[in-house]
Amino acid sequence: MLEAAGVEFDVASPQIDEAALKAAALLTDDLAAGLAHAKALSVSEGRSGDWVIGSDSVVEVQGRLFDKPADRSQAAEHLQFFSGKTIQLTSAVALARENAVDWTHAETATLQVRPLSEDFIAFYLDREWPAVSHCVGVFRLEGPGVQLFERIDGDHFTILGMPLLPLLGALRERGLLPS
């Protein structure tokens, strides 16, 4: 998304304990924002003057949080659970600099999953596995994953994994992008 938007960046992996943060969170929007915050802060340590973007997404269905599937079998289990239900997908982004988070933003999208047959789930995973193994909701909206839904409410970029428009605004406010 950043590349397509014309934002120059480097990639670095944060060193955080996601399991501990997930265990401590009370609300999904707090969790997504907390993970984005922790990732940005982790990478900003030791990077004097650099602005760091951290982001994360959280999927909740009927009060249950879902992680990325460990394997294809678990992906099928997730899809079976999602069938006919509503996914609350919260994505958050944070900006950090000099070991401090300067800005955080979270948005939630609602995705109504249509009833999914076992045959469709197998067909879908035949086409999309392992590409969706890195997706917390087991879908890529920009691909065949769009077939999972009968209704989608929310920002497109939030669903893709990061509230991009608010981030671009924050980057412009800080003089990192031309206004």
Protein backbone atom coordinates (compact mmCIF):
# COMPACT_ATOMS: atom_id res chain seq x y z
CA MET A 1 0.00 0.00 0.00
CA LEU A 2 2.75 2.45 0.91
CA GLU A 3 4.63 1.76 -2.30
CA ALA A 4 1.49 2.20 -4.41
CA ALA A 5 0.83 5.51 -2.59
CA GLY A 6 4.33 6.76 -3.43
CA VAL A 7 5.69 6.60 0.11
CA GLU A 8 9.37 5.66 0.35
CA PHE A 9 10.15 3.22 3.17
CA ASP A 10 12.42 0.48 4.45
CA VAL A 11 11.17 -2.68 6.15
CA ALA A 12 12.28 -3.78 9.63
CA SER A 13 10.91 -6.48 11.92
CA PRO A 14 9.78 -5.43 15.40
CA GLN A 15 10.84 -7.37 18.47
CA ILE A 16 7.67 -7.59 20.56
CA ASP A 17 5.76 -10.25 22.47
CA GLU A 18 2.42 -10.22 20.62
CA ALA A 19 0.98 -12.99 22.79
CA ALA A 20 1.49 -10.93 25.96
CA LEU A 21 -0.09 -7.86 24.39
CA LYS A 22 -3.06 -9.90 23.18
CA ALA A 23 -3.55 -11.39 26.65
CA ALA A 24 -3.61 -7.93 28.24
CA ALA A 25 -5.98 -6.24 25.78
CA LEU A 26 -9.63 -5.70 26.65
CA LEU A 27 -11.00 -4.39 23.33
CA THR A 28 -10.01 -5.21 19.75
CA ASP A 29 -9.47 -1.56 18.79
CA ASP A 30 -7.21 -1.20 21.84
CA LEU A 31 -5.40 -4.39 20.84
CA ALA A 32 -4.81 -3.35 17.23
CA ALA A 33 -3.63 0.10 18.34
CA GLY A 34 -1.48 -1.43 21.06
CA LEU A 35 0.19 -3.81 18.61
CA ALA A 36 0.80 -1.02 16.08
CA HIS A 37 2.17 1.19 18.90
CA ALA A 38 4.48 -1.56 20.19
CA LYS A 39 5.76 -2.40 16.70
CA ALA A 40 6.52 1.22 15.83
CA LEU A 41 8.20 1.81 19.19
CA SER A 42 10.27 -1.38 18.93
CA VAL A 43 11.65 -0.47 15.52
CA SER A 44 12.22 3.20 16.44
CA GLU A 45 14.66 2.24 19.23
CA GLY A 46 18.15 3.04 18.05
CA ARG A 47 16.99 4.82 14.86
CA SER A 48 17.89 8.41 15.59
CA GLY A 49 15.68 10.83 13.68
CA ASP A 50 13.87 8.19 11.61
CA TRP A 51 10.09 8.09 11.51
CA VAL A 52 8.75 4.54 11.94
CA ILE A 53 5.34 3.21 10.89
CA GLY A 54 3.91 0.26 12.79
CA SER A 55 0.62 -1.41 11.92
CA ASP A 56 -1.47 -4.44 12.76
CA SER A 57 -4.92 -5.92 12.23
CA VAL A 58 -7.17 -7.88 14.56
CA VAL A 59 -10.12 -10.08 13.59
CA GLU A 60 -12.96 -10.74 16.03
CA VAL A 61 -15.98 -12.94 15.40
CA GLN A 62 -18.61 -13.38 18.12
CA GLY A 63 -16.20 -12.21 20.81
CA ARG A 64 -13.43 -14.58 19.72
CA LEU A 65 -10.09 -13.25 18.45
CA PHE A 66 -8.42 -15.02 15.55
CA ASP A 67 -4.74 -15.25 14.65
CA LYS A 68 -3.29 -16.07 11.27
CA PRO A 69 -3.95 -19.75 10.54
CA ALA A 70 -1.09 -22.08 11.44
CA ASP A 71 -1.85 -24.39 8.52
CA ARG A 72 -4.43 -25.11 5.83
CA SER A 73 -6.53 -27.24 8.17
CA GLN A 74 -6.81 -24.39 10.66
CA ALA A 75 -7.62 -21.98 7.81
CA ALA A 76 -10.55 -24.24 6.88
CA GLU A 77 -11.68 -24.30 10.53
CA HIS A 78 -11.58 -20.49 10.67
CA LEU A 79 -13.61 -20.18 7.48
CA GLN A 80 -16.17 -22.70 8.77
CA PHE A 81 -16.50 -20.65 11.96
CA PHE A 82 -16.83 -17.38 9.97
CA SER A 83 -19.57 -18.84 7.74
CA GLY A 84 -22.76 -16.78 8.01
CA LYS A 85 -21.26 -14.53 10.71
CA THR A 86 -19.95 -10.98 10.95
CA ILE A 87 -16.22 -10.28 11.10
CA GLN A 88 -15.08 -7.17 12.97
CA LEU A 89 -11.71 -6.31 11.45
CA THR A 90 -9.77 -3.58 13.23
CA SER A 91 -6.61 -2.18 11.68
CA ALA A 92 -4.34 0.33 13.35
CA VAL A 93 -1.27 2.33 12.46
CA ALA A 94 1.22 4.24 14.60
CA LEU A 95 4.05 6.70 13.92
CA ALA A 96 7.06 6.74 16.21
CA ARG A 97 10.28 8.73 16.33
CA GLU A 98 13.10 8.96 18.86
CA ASN A 99 11.72 6.10 20.98
CA ALA A 100 8.29 7.71 21.37
CA VAL A 101 4.98 7.14 19.61
CA ASP A 102 3.77 10.43 18.15
CA TRP A 103 0.45 9.36 16.57
CA THR A 104 -1.88 6.33 16.49
CA HIS A 105 -5.08 5.67 14.59
CA ALA A 106 -7.43 2.64 14.50
CA GLU A 107 -10.49 1.89 12.35
CA THR A 108 -12.92 -1.02 12.30
CA ALA A 109 -14.61 -2.53 9.27
CA THR A 110 -17.54 -4.95 9.38
CA LEU A 111 -17.61 -7.82 6.91
CA GLN A 112 -20.66 -10.08 6.64
CA VAL A 113 -19.53 -13.55 5.60
CA ARG A 114 -22.02 -15.38 3.44
CA PRO A 115 -22.86 -19.01 4.27
CA LEU A 116 -19.89 -21.06 3.06
CA SER A 117 -20.19 -24.70 2.03
CA GLU A 118 -17.39 -27.17 2.72
CA ASP A 119 -17.00 -27.55 -1.06
CA PHE A 120 -16.55 -23.80 -1.48
CA ILE A 121 -14.02 -23.64 1.38
CA ALA A 122 -11.98 -26.44 -0.22
CA PHE A 123 -12.23 -24.76 -3.65
CA TYR A 124 -11.22 -21.41 -2.17
CA LEU A 125 -8.24 -22.80 -0.26
CA ASP A 126 -7.12 -24.74 -3.35
CA ARG A 127 -6.85 -21.38 -5.11
CA GLU A 128 -5.64 -19.17 -2.27
CA TRP A 129 -3.46 -21.30 -0.02
CA PRO A 130 -0.69 -20.52 0.99
CA ALA A 131 -1.16 -16.84 0.01
CA VAL A 132 -3.82 -16.36 2.73
CA SER A 133 -1.69 -18.05 5.38
CA HIS A 134 -0.35 -14.57 6.23
CA CYS A 135 -3.85 -13.06 6.52
CA VAL A 136 -5.58 -12.97 9.89
CA GLY A 137 -9.03 -13.29 8.29
CA VAL A 138 -7.90 -15.94 5.79
CA PHE A 139 -8.73 -13.68 2.86
CA ARG A 140 -7.30 -11.16 0.45
CA LEU A 141 -10.06 -8.75 -0.51
CA GLU A 142 -8.13 -7.82 -3.65
CA GLY A 143 -8.40 -11.44 -4.84
CA PRO A 144 -10.85 -14.34 -4.65
CA GLY A 145 -11.39 -13.59 -0.96
CA VAL A 146 -14.03 -11.07 -1.98
CA GLN A 147 -16.26 -14.10 -2.72
CA LEU A 148 -16.51 -14.82 1.02
CA PHE A 149 -18.70 -11.79 1.70
CA GLU A 150 -22.23 -10.64 1.10
CA ARG A 151 -21.73 -7.18 2.63
CA ILE A 152 -18.74 -5.03 3.57
CA ASP A 153 -18.88 -1.79 5.57
CA GLY A 154 -15.68 0.12 6.13
CA ASP A 155 -12.65 1.68 4.57
CA HIS A 156 -11.00 -0.37 1.82
CA PHE A 157 -7.46 0.26 3.09
CA THR A 158 -8.45 -0.63 6.65
CA ILE A 159 -9.65 -3.98 5.32
CA LEU A 160 -6.38 -4.44 3.43
CA GLY A 161 -4.55 -4.01 6.73
CA MET A 162 -3.80 -0.34 7.41
CA PRO A 163 -5.88 2.85 7.63
CA LEU A 164 -3.85 4.44 4.83
CA LEU A 165 -5.68 7.73 4.31
CA PRO A 166 -5.31 8.89 7.95
CA LEU A 167 -1.65 7.80 7.84
CA LEU A 168 -0.99 9.83 4.69
CA GLY A 169 -2.59 12.83 6.42
CA ALA A 170 -0.36 12.35 9.47
CA LEU A 171 2.72 12.10 7.25
CA ARG A 172 1.73 15.35 5.48
CA GLU A 173 1.14 17.11 8.83
CA ARG A 174 4.69 16.20 9.85
CA GLY A 175 6.17 17.44 6.57
CA LEU A 176 7.12 13.92 5.46
CA LEU A 177 4.97 14.13 2.35
CA PRO A 178 4.20 17.22 0.30
CA SER A 179 0.88 18.83 1.02
